[in-house]
Amino acid sequence: AMEKSYVSMFLLLVAISCALAKDVGKKDSKESAAKPKLPQTLSRGWGDQLIWTQTYEEALYRAKNSNKPLMIIHHLDDCPHSQALKKVFAEHKDIQKLAEKFILLNLVYETTDKNLAPDGQYVPRILFIDPSLTVRADITGRYSNRLYAYEPSDISLLYSNMQKALKLLKTEL
């Protein structure tokens, strides 16, 4: 009889701990549902107040229909060069202001569009596409072996290239 009460006591404890474990799980999901994380979403840290497109297709569509140039930033989360450029880009007030005049897309993956990798798939790389959906292969950084790469020290060059992408727009359209 003693054994039987131990077994039922044990089963009771198991049942209670299972019920408690379920409750704990519920509480966690409730808290995270009530307090949403800051939308790190589409900006991925490149400028949280800027409007970013989600896909390459959406970006092309918006560039064409808004008559704004598209700026595409290819980067990777675990690439120190991408991270360094992102930090400078996000903290550069003039760049952030100028970026508002663009359709913006940052990608952590490659698209199937070969035009977005005119000289290879490396990160970080930044390309401009005009509203006629032409990749502006003529707007380059300062490295002959990676034409569309920028380093944090190239931020003023990137800024002038952004201006160039906008200026060409006004004269050509």
N, C-alpha and C. Protein backbone atom coordinates (compact mmCIF):
# COMPACT_ATOMS: atom_id res chain seq x y z
N ALA A 1 0.84 -1.20 0.00
CA ALA A 1 0.00 0.00 0.00
C ALA A 1 0.88 1.25 0.00
N MET A 2 2.00 1.15 0.74
CA MET A 2 2.92 2.27 0.80
C MET A 2 3.45 2.60 -0.60
N GLU A 3 3.83 1.54 -1.34
CA GLU A 3 4.35 1.73 -2.69
C GLU A 3 3.32 2.42 -3.59
N LYS A 4 2.07 1.97 -3.44
CA LYS A 4 1.01 2.52 -4.27
C LYS A 4 0.86 4.03 -4.04
N SER A 5 0.95 4.46 -2.79
CA SER A 5 0.78 5.88 -2.50
C SER A 5 2.00 6.67 -3.03
N TYR A 6 3.19 6.05 -2.99
CA TYR A 6 4.37 6.70 -3.56
C TYR A 6 4.18 6.92 -5.06
N VAL A 7 3.70 5.85 -5.72
CA VAL A 7 3.51 5.93 -7.16
C VAL A 7 2.48 7.01 -7.50
N SER A 8 1.36 7.03 -6.75
CA SER A 8 0.35 8.05 -7.08
C SER A 8 0.86 9.45 -6.71
N MET A 9 1.64 9.54 -5.64
CA MET A 9 2.23 10.83 -5.28
C MET A 9 3.19 11.29 -6.39
N PHE A 10 4.01 10.37 -6.88
CA PHE A 10 4.96 10.66 -7.96
C PHE A 10 4.22 11.13 -9.21
N LEU A 11 3.16 10.40 -9.57
CA LEU A 11 2.37 10.77 -10.75
C LEU A 11 1.73 12.14 -10.58
N LEU A 12 1.29 12.43 -9.35
CA LEU A 12 0.69 13.73 -9.07
C LEU A 12 1.73 14.83 -9.27
N LEU A 13 2.95 14.61 -8.76
CA LEU A 13 4.02 15.59 -8.92
C LEU A 13 4.36 15.80 -10.40
N VAL A 14 4.42 14.71 -11.14
CA VAL A 14 4.71 14.80 -12.58
C VAL A 14 3.61 15.64 -13.26
N ALA A 15 2.36 15.35 -12.91
CA ALA A 15 1.25 16.09 -13.51
C ALA A 15 1.34 17.58 -13.18
N ILE A 16 1.65 17.88 -11.91
CA ILE A 16 1.75 19.29 -11.50
C ILE A 16 2.89 19.99 -12.23
N SER A 17 4.04 19.32 -12.28
CA SER A 17 5.17 19.98 -12.94
C SER A 17 4.92 20.16 -14.44
N CYS A 18 4.22 19.23 -15.06
CA CYS A 18 3.87 19.40 -16.48
C CYS A 18 2.95 20.60 -16.66
N ALA A 19 1.97 20.71 -15.78
CA ALA A 19 1.03 21.83 -15.87
C ALA A 19 1.77 23.15 -15.66
N LEU A 20 2.68 23.18 -14.69
CA LEU A 20 3.44 24.41 -14.43
C LEU A 20 4.31 24.75 -15.63
N ALA A 21 4.95 23.74 -16.20
CA ALA A 21 5.82 23.98 -17.35
C ALA A 21 5.01 24.58 -18.50
N LYS A 22 3.79 24.08 -18.69
CA LYS A 22 2.94 24.62 -19.75
C LYS A 22 2.64 26.09 -19.48
N ASP A 23 2.32 26.42 -18.23
CA ASP A 23 2.01 27.80 -17.86
C ASP A 23 3.20 28.71 -18.10
N VAL A 24 4.38 28.24 -17.73
CA VAL A 24 5.58 29.04 -17.92
C VAL A 24 5.74 29.35 -19.41
N GLY A 25 5.55 28.36 -20.24
CA GLY A 25 5.64 28.56 -21.69
C GLY A 25 4.66 29.61 -22.16
N LYS A 26 3.43 29.53 -21.62
CA LYS A 26 2.39 30.48 -22.02
C LYS A 26 2.78 31.90 -21.64
N LYS A 27 3.30 32.05 -20.41
CA LYS A 27 3.63 33.39 -19.93
C LYS A 27 4.68 34.03 -20.84
N ASP A 28 5.69 33.26 -21.23
CA ASP A 28 6.73 33.79 -22.09
C ASP A 28 6.16 34.29 -23.41
N SER A 29 5.30 33.49 -24.02
CA SER A 29 4.79 33.90 -25.32
C SER A 29 3.88 35.11 -25.18
N LYS A 30 3.17 35.21 -24.05
CA LYS A 30 2.31 36.37 -23.83
C LYS A 30 3.15 37.64 -23.75
N GLU A 31 4.25 37.57 -22.97
CA GLU A 31 5.10 38.75 -22.82
C GLU A 31 5.68 39.19 -24.15
N SER A 32 6.16 38.24 -24.94
CA SER A 32 6.79 38.65 -26.20
C SER A 32 5.74 39.15 -27.19
N ALA A 33 4.51 38.67 -27.05
CA ALA A 33 3.46 39.16 -27.94
C ALA A 33 3.06 40.58 -27.55
N ALA A 34 3.03 40.85 -26.24
CA ALA A 34 2.61 42.16 -25.77
C ALA A 34 3.69 43.21 -26.03
N LYS A 35 4.95 42.80 -25.94
CA LYS A 35 6.04 43.76 -26.09
C LYS A 35 6.84 43.41 -27.34
N PRO A 36 6.38 43.89 -28.52
CA PRO A 36 7.07 43.51 -29.76
C PRO A 36 8.49 44.07 -29.79
N LYS A 37 9.37 43.31 -30.38
CA LYS A 37 10.74 43.79 -30.55
C LYS A 37 10.71 44.96 -31.50
N LEU A 38 11.67 45.86 -31.35
CA LEU A 38 11.76 46.98 -32.29
C LEU A 38 11.93 46.41 -33.69
N PRO A 39 11.21 46.94 -34.65
CA PRO A 39 11.31 46.37 -35.99
C PRO A 39 12.69 46.58 -36.59
N GLN A 40 13.54 45.62 -36.41
CA GLN A 40 14.88 45.63 -36.97
C GLN A 40 14.71 45.29 -38.45
N THR A 41 13.55 44.76 -38.74
CA THR A 41 13.06 44.32 -40.05
C THR A 41 13.91 44.70 -41.26
N LEU A 42 13.34 45.51 -42.13
CA LEU A 42 13.93 45.70 -43.45
C LEU A 42 15.17 46.58 -43.46
N SER A 43 15.32 47.46 -42.48
CA SER A 43 16.50 48.33 -42.51
C SER A 43 17.75 47.55 -42.14
N ARG A 44 17.58 46.51 -41.33
CA ARG A 44 18.71 45.70 -40.85
C ARG A 44 19.83 46.57 -40.28
N GLY A 45 19.45 47.76 -39.78
CA GLY A 45 20.43 48.63 -39.15
C GLY A 45 21.07 49.67 -40.07
N TRP A 46 20.64 49.73 -41.32
CA TRP A 46 21.23 50.69 -42.27
C TRP A 46 20.58 52.06 -42.18
N GLY A 47 19.54 52.18 -41.40
CA GLY A 47 18.83 53.46 -41.26
C GLY A 47 17.39 53.14 -40.92
N ASP A 48 17.12 53.05 -39.62
CA ASP A 48 15.82 52.56 -39.18
C ASP A 48 14.68 53.50 -39.53
N GLN A 49 14.97 54.79 -39.72
CA GLN A 49 13.89 55.73 -40.03
C GLN A 49 13.64 55.81 -41.53
N LEU A 50 14.47 55.15 -42.32
CA LEU A 50 14.28 55.16 -43.77
C LEU A 50 13.27 54.10 -44.19
N ILE A 51 12.68 54.29 -45.34
CA ILE A 51 11.72 53.30 -45.86
C ILE A 51 12.48 52.32 -46.76
N TRP A 52 12.46 51.06 -46.40
CA TRP A 52 13.18 50.03 -47.16
C TRP A 52 12.19 49.11 -47.84
N THR A 53 12.54 48.67 -49.03
CA THR A 53 11.68 47.70 -49.72
C THR A 53 12.09 46.30 -49.26
N GLN A 54 11.20 45.36 -49.48
CA GLN A 54 11.41 44.01 -48.99
C GLN A 54 12.12 43.11 -50.00
N THR A 55 11.76 43.27 -51.28
CA THR A 55 12.32 42.39 -52.30
C THR A 55 12.85 43.21 -53.47
N TYR A 56 13.68 42.58 -54.24
CA TYR A 56 14.25 43.22 -55.44
C TYR A 56 13.13 43.58 -56.40
N GLU A 57 12.16 42.68 -56.55
CA GLU A 57 11.04 42.92 -57.47
C GLU A 57 10.25 44.15 -57.04
N GLU A 58 9.97 44.23 -55.74
CA GLU A 58 9.22 45.37 -55.22
C GLU A 58 10.02 46.66 -55.43
N ALA A 59 11.33 46.59 -55.21
CA ALA A 59 12.19 47.76 -55.34
C ALA A 59 12.19 48.26 -56.79
N LEU A 60 12.29 47.33 -57.74
CA LEU A 60 12.27 47.71 -59.16
C LEU A 60 10.94 48.37 -59.51
N TYR A 61 9.87 47.78 -59.05
CA TYR A 61 8.53 48.30 -59.33
C TYR A 61 8.40 49.72 -58.78
N ARG A 62 8.86 49.89 -57.53
CA ARG A 62 8.72 51.22 -56.91
C ARG A 62 9.63 52.26 -57.56
N ALA A 63 10.82 51.84 -57.99
CA ALA A 63 11.73 52.78 -58.65
C ALA A 63 11.09 53.26 -59.96
N LYS A 64 10.56 52.32 -60.70
CA LYS A 64 9.96 52.63 -61.99
C LYS A 64 8.76 53.56 -61.82
N ASN A 65 7.92 53.27 -60.84
CA ASN A 65 6.68 54.03 -60.68
C ASN A 65 6.82 55.33 -59.91
N SER A 66 7.89 55.46 -59.13
CA SER A 66 8.06 56.69 -58.36
C SER A 66 9.05 57.63 -59.05
N ASN A 67 9.69 57.11 -60.10
CA ASN A 67 10.72 57.87 -60.80
C ASN A 67 11.89 58.24 -59.89
N LYS A 68 12.18 57.38 -58.93
CA LYS A 68 13.34 57.57 -58.06
C LYS A 68 14.37 56.50 -58.39
N PRO A 69 15.65 56.83 -58.20
CA PRO A 69 16.65 55.78 -58.41
C PRO A 69 16.60 54.77 -57.26
N LEU A 70 17.07 53.59 -57.55
CA LEU A 70 17.11 52.52 -56.56
C LEU A 70 18.55 52.33 -56.12
N MET A 71 18.72 52.21 -54.82
CA MET A 71 20.05 51.96 -54.26
C MET A 71 20.00 50.59 -53.59
N ILE A 72 20.84 49.68 -54.07
CA ILE A 72 20.85 48.33 -53.50
C ILE A 72 22.16 48.09 -52.76
N ILE A 73 22.04 47.71 -51.51
CA ILE A 73 23.22 47.41 -50.70
C ILE A 73 23.26 45.90 -50.46
N HIS A 74 24.27 45.25 -50.98
CA HIS A 74 24.47 43.83 -50.68
C HIS A 74 25.42 43.75 -49.49
N HIS A 75 25.02 42.98 -48.48
CA HIS A 75 25.86 42.87 -47.29
C HIS A 75 25.57 41.54 -46.61
N LEU A 76 26.38 41.21 -45.61
CA LEU A 76 26.15 40.00 -44.81
C LEU A 76 26.27 40.36 -43.34
N ASP A 77 25.43 39.73 -42.52
CA ASP A 77 25.45 40.01 -41.09
C ASP A 77 26.77 39.64 -40.43
N ASP A 78 27.42 38.60 -40.93
CA ASP A 78 28.64 38.15 -40.26
C ASP A 78 29.91 38.64 -40.97
N CYS A 79 29.75 39.65 -41.84
CA CYS A 79 30.92 40.19 -42.55
C CYS A 79 31.37 41.47 -41.84
N PRO A 80 32.58 41.50 -41.34
CA PRO A 80 33.05 42.70 -40.60
C PRO A 80 33.09 43.95 -41.49
N HIS A 81 33.37 43.78 -42.78
CA HIS A 81 33.38 44.94 -43.70
C HIS A 81 31.97 45.51 -43.86
N SER A 82 31.00 44.61 -44.00
CA SER A 82 29.59 45.05 -44.11
C SER A 82 29.18 45.77 -42.84
N GLN A 83 29.53 45.20 -41.69
CA GLN A 83 29.13 45.80 -40.41
C GLN A 83 29.74 47.18 -40.24
N ALA A 84 31.01 47.31 -40.61
CA ALA A 84 31.69 48.60 -40.46
C ALA A 84 31.05 49.65 -41.36
N LEU A 85 30.75 49.26 -42.61
CA LEU A 85 30.13 50.21 -43.53
C LEU A 85 28.72 50.58 -43.06
N LYS A 86 27.99 49.59 -42.58
CA LYS A 86 26.63 49.84 -42.09
C LYS A 86 26.63 50.87 -40.97
N LYS A 87 27.57 50.74 -40.04
CA LYS A 87 27.65 51.65 -38.90
C LYS A 87 27.87 53.08 -39.38
N VAL A 88 28.83 53.27 -40.28
CA VAL A 88 29.14 54.61 -40.79
C VAL A 88 27.96 55.16 -41.60
N PHE A 89 27.36 54.29 -42.42
CA PHE A 89 26.21 54.68 -43.24
C PHE A 89 25.05 55.15 -42.35
N ALA A 90 24.75 54.36 -41.32
CA ALA A 90 23.61 54.67 -40.45
C ALA A 90 23.84 55.92 -39.61
N GLU A 91 25.10 56.22 -39.30
CA GLU A 91 25.40 57.38 -38.45
C GLU A 91 25.67 58.65 -39.24
N HIS A 92 25.77 58.54 -40.56
CA HIS A 92 26.10 59.68 -41.41
C HIS A 92 24.82 60.46 -41.74
N LYS A 93 24.65 61.60 -41.10
CA LYS A 93 23.38 62.33 -41.23
C LYS A 93 23.08 62.73 -42.68
N ASP A 94 24.09 63.20 -43.41
CA ASP A 94 23.86 63.64 -44.79
C ASP A 94 23.44 62.46 -45.67
N ILE A 95 24.08 61.33 -45.46
CA ILE A 95 23.73 60.15 -46.25
C ILE A 95 22.31 59.70 -45.93
N GLN A 96 21.96 59.70 -44.66
CA GLN A 96 20.62 59.29 -44.26
C GLN A 96 19.58 60.23 -44.88
N LYS A 97 19.89 61.52 -44.92
CA LYS A 97 18.97 62.50 -45.50
C LYS A 97 18.83 62.27 -47.01
N LEU A 98 19.98 62.10 -47.67
CA LEU A 98 19.98 61.90 -49.11
C LEU A 98 19.29 60.58 -49.49
N ALA A 99 19.44 59.58 -48.62
CA ALA A 99 18.87 58.26 -48.90
C ALA A 99 17.34 58.32 -49.02
N GLU A 100 16.73 59.35 -48.42
CA GLU A 100 15.27 59.48 -48.49
C GLU A 100 14.81 59.70 -49.94
N LYS A 101 15.71 60.15 -50.81
CA LYS A 101 15.35 60.41 -52.20
C LYS A 101 15.45 59.16 -53.07
N PHE A 102 15.82 58.03 -52.45
CA PHE A 102 15.99 56.78 -53.18
C PHE A 102 14.95 55.75 -52.78
N ILE A 103 14.72 54.80 -53.66
CA ILE A 103 14.07 53.56 -53.27
C ILE A 103 15.22 52.73 -52.71
N LEU A 104 15.05 52.18 -51.53
CA LEU A 104 16.16 51.51 -50.85
C LEU A 104 15.91 50.03 -50.65
N LEU A 105 16.98 49.27 -50.85
CA LEU A 105 16.91 47.83 -50.64
C LEU A 105 18.26 47.37 -50.11
N ASN A 106 18.25 46.61 -49.02
CA ASN A 106 19.50 45.99 -48.61
C ASN A 106 19.27 44.50 -48.57
N LEU A 107 20.21 43.77 -49.13
CA LEU A 107 20.04 42.33 -49.32
C LEU A 107 21.15 41.56 -48.61
N VAL A 108 20.76 40.51 -47.92
CA VAL A 108 21.75 39.62 -47.31
C VAL A 108 21.82 38.32 -48.12
N TYR A 109 21.32 38.37 -49.34
CA TYR A 109 21.41 37.20 -50.23
C TYR A 109 21.58 37.74 -51.64
N GLU A 110 22.01 36.89 -52.55
CA GLU A 110 22.18 37.31 -53.94
C GLU A 110 20.86 37.09 -54.69
N THR A 111 20.57 37.97 -55.62
CA THR A 111 19.40 37.76 -56.47
C THR A 111 19.85 36.94 -57.68
N THR A 112 18.91 36.53 -58.48
CA THR A 112 19.26 35.78 -59.70
C THR A 112 19.65 36.74 -60.82
N ASP A 113 19.48 38.06 -60.57
CA ASP A 113 19.79 39.05 -61.60
C ASP A 113 21.30 39.27 -61.70
N LYS A 114 21.87 38.80 -62.79
CA LYS A 114 23.32 38.90 -62.98
C LYS A 114 23.78 40.36 -63.08
N ASN A 115 22.87 41.25 -63.45
CA ASN A 115 23.23 42.67 -63.56
C ASN A 115 23.62 43.28 -62.22
N LEU A 116 23.19 42.63 -61.13
CA LEU A 116 23.51 43.15 -59.81
C LEU A 116 24.89 42.68 -59.33
N ALA A 117 25.55 41.90 -60.15
CA ALA A 117 26.91 41.46 -59.82
C ALA A 117 27.79 41.63 -61.06
N PRO A 118 27.90 42.88 -61.54
CA PRO A 118 28.63 43.11 -62.80
C PRO A 118 30.07 42.60 -62.75
N ASP A 119 30.67 42.67 -61.58
CA ASP A 119 32.06 42.22 -61.46
C ASP A 119 32.23 41.21 -60.32
N GLY A 120 31.16 40.49 -60.05
CA GLY A 120 31.27 39.43 -59.04
C GLY A 120 30.38 39.65 -57.83
N GLN A 121 30.23 38.59 -57.06
CA GLN A 121 29.39 38.64 -55.86
C GLN A 121 30.28 38.79 -54.64
N TYR A 122 30.38 40.00 -54.15
CA TYR A 122 31.15 40.27 -52.94
C TYR A 122 30.33 41.24 -52.10
N VAL A 123 30.67 41.33 -50.84
CA VAL A 123 29.99 42.28 -49.96
C VAL A 123 31.05 43.07 -49.19
N PRO A 124 30.73 44.27 -48.76
CA PRO A 124 29.53 45.00 -49.16
C PRO A 124 29.69 45.55 -50.58
N ARG A 125 28.58 45.60 -51.29
CA ARG A 125 28.61 46.23 -52.61
C ARG A 125 27.32 47.02 -52.79
N ILE A 126 27.47 48.19 -53.39
CA ILE A 126 26.33 49.09 -53.54
C ILE A 126 26.18 49.47 -55.01
N LEU A 127 24.99 49.23 -55.51
CA LEU A 127 24.69 49.53 -56.91
C LEU A 127 23.50 50.48 -57.00
N PHE A 128 23.51 51.28 -58.04
CA PHE A 128 22.39 52.19 -58.29
C PHE A 128 21.70 51.77 -59.58
N ILE A 129 20.37 51.86 -59.56
CA ILE A 129 19.57 51.51 -60.73
C ILE A 129 18.63 52.68 -60.98
N ASP A 130 18.61 53.16 -62.20
CA ASP A 130 17.74 54.31 -62.46
C ASP A 130 16.31 53.85 -62.75
N PRO A 131 15.36 54.79 -62.77
CA PRO A 131 13.95 54.40 -62.93
C PRO A 131 13.64 53.70 -64.25
N SER A 132 14.54 53.81 -65.24
CA SER A 132 14.31 53.05 -66.47
C SER A 132 14.79 51.60 -66.26
N LEU A 133 15.17 51.29 -65.02
CA LEU A 133 15.63 49.96 -64.59
C LEU A 133 16.96 49.56 -65.22
N THR A 134 17.79 50.57 -65.46
CA THR A 134 19.14 50.33 -65.96
C THR A 134 20.11 50.36 -64.78
N VAL A 135 20.92 49.31 -64.66
CA VAL A 135 21.94 49.31 -63.61
C VAL A 135 23.00 50.32 -64.00
N ARG A 136 23.29 51.24 -63.07
CA ARG A 136 24.28 52.28 -63.35
C ARG A 136 25.68 51.73 -63.07
N ALA A 137 26.17 50.94 -63.99
CA ALA A 137 27.48 50.32 -63.83
C ALA A 137 28.59 51.37 -63.83
N ASP A 138 28.25 52.60 -64.26
CA ASP A 138 29.26 53.67 -64.32
C ASP A 138 29.47 54.36 -62.97
N ILE A 139 28.61 54.10 -61.99
CA ILE A 139 28.77 54.72 -60.67
C ILE A 139 29.51 53.73 -59.78
N THR A 140 30.80 53.97 -59.63
CA THR A 140 31.65 52.99 -58.95
C THR A 140 32.39 53.59 -57.76
N GLY A 141 32.88 52.70 -56.93
CA GLY A 141 33.73 53.10 -55.81
C GLY A 141 35.16 53.25 -56.30
N ARG A 142 36.14 53.16 -55.38
CA ARG A 142 37.51 53.45 -55.79
C ARG A 142 38.38 52.21 -55.97
N TYR A 143 37.79 51.03 -55.92
CA TYR A 143 38.61 49.81 -56.04
C TYR A 143 38.42 49.18 -57.41
N SER A 144 39.53 49.03 -58.14
CA SER A 144 39.42 48.50 -59.50
C SER A 144 39.07 47.02 -59.50
N ASN A 145 39.38 46.31 -58.41
CA ASN A 145 39.08 44.87 -58.39
C ASN A 145 37.69 44.58 -57.81
N ARG A 146 37.08 45.56 -57.16
CA ARG A 146 35.70 45.43 -56.65
C ARG A 146 35.06 46.80 -56.88
N LEU A 147 34.52 46.97 -58.06
CA LEU A 147 34.07 48.30 -58.49
C LEU A 147 32.98 48.91 -57.61
N TYR A 148 32.17 48.07 -56.98
CA TYR A 148 31.01 48.61 -56.25
C TYR A 148 31.16 48.43 -54.74
N ALA A 149 32.40 48.20 -54.31
CA ALA A 149 32.67 48.06 -52.87
C ALA A 149 32.96 49.43 -52.28
N TYR A 150 32.55 49.59 -51.03
CA TYR A 150 32.87 50.82 -50.29
C TYR A 150 33.34 50.41 -48.91
N GLU A 151 34.29 51.14 -48.39
CA GLU A 151 34.74 50.93 -47.02
C GLU A 151 34.30 52.15 -46.23
N PRO A 152 34.32 52.04 -44.89
CA PRO A 152 33.91 53.20 -44.08
C PRO A 152 34.64 54.49 -44.48
N SER A 153 35.91 54.38 -44.87
CA SER A 153 36.67 55.58 -45.25
C SER A 153 36.20 56.15 -46.59
N ASP A 154 35.37 55.40 -47.33
CA ASP A 154 34.87 55.86 -48.64
C ASP A 154 33.50 56.52 -48.53
N ILE A 155 33.09 56.84 -47.32
CA ILE A 155 31.71 57.30 -47.13
C ILE A 155 31.43 58.59 -47.91
N SER A 156 32.43 59.48 -48.04
CA SER A 156 32.16 60.71 -48.79
C SER A 156 32.05 60.42 -50.28
N LEU A 157 32.79 59.41 -50.75
CA LEU A 157 32.66 58.99 -52.15
C LEU A 157 31.27 58.40 -52.39
N LEU A 158 30.81 57.60 -51.43
CA LEU A 158 29.46 57.03 -51.55
C LEU A 158 28.44 58.15 -51.61
N TYR A 159 28.63 59.15 -50.75
CA TYR A 159 27.71 60.29 -50.74
C TYR A 159 27.70 60.99 -52.10
N SER A 160 28.88 61.23 -52.65
CA SER A 160 28.88 61.92 -53.96
C SER A 160 28.33 61.01 -55.05
N ASN A 161 28.51 59.69 -54.92
CA ASN A 161 27.91 58.78 -55.90
C ASN A 161 26.39 58.78 -55.80
N MET A 162 25.88 58.93 -54.58
CA MET A 162 24.43 59.03 -54.41
C MET A 162 23.94 60.31 -55.10
N GLN A 163 24.69 61.40 -54.92
CA GLN A 163 24.31 62.66 -55.58
C GLN A 163 24.36 62.49 -57.09
N LYS A 164 25.38 61.78 -57.56
CA LYS A 164 25.54 61.54 -59.00
C LYS A 164 24.33 60.76 -59.53
N ALA A 165 23.91 59.74 -58.79
CA ALA A 165 22.76 58.93 -59.22
C ALA A 165 21.50 59.79 -59.32
N LEU A 166 21.38 60.77 -58.43
CA LEU A 166 20.22 61.65 -58.46
C LEU A 166 20.35 62.70 -59.56
N LYS A 167 21.55 63.23 -59.74
CA LYS A 167 21.78 64.28 -60.73
C LYS A 167 21.54 63.75 -62.15
N LEU A 168 22.08 62.57 -62.42
CA LEU A 168 21.93 61.96 -63.76
C LEU A 168 20.45 61.78 -64.06
N LEU A 169 19.73 61.51 -63.00
CA LEU A 169 18.30 61.30 -63.12
C LEU A 169 17.63 62.56 -63.68
N LYS A 170 17.96 63.71 -63.08
CA LYS A 170 17.34 64.97 -63.50
C LYS A 170 17.70 65.32 -64.93
N THR A 171 18.96 65.08 -65.32
CA THR A 171 19.36 65.50 -66.66
C THR A 171 18.82 64.54 -67.73
N GLU A 172 18.66 63.27 -67.37
CA GLU A 172 18.28 62.31 -68.40
C GLU A 172 16.79 62.17 -68.59
N LEU A 173 16.01 62.51 -67.57
CA LEU A 173 14.57 62.24 -67.68
C LEU A 173 13.79 63.49 -68.04
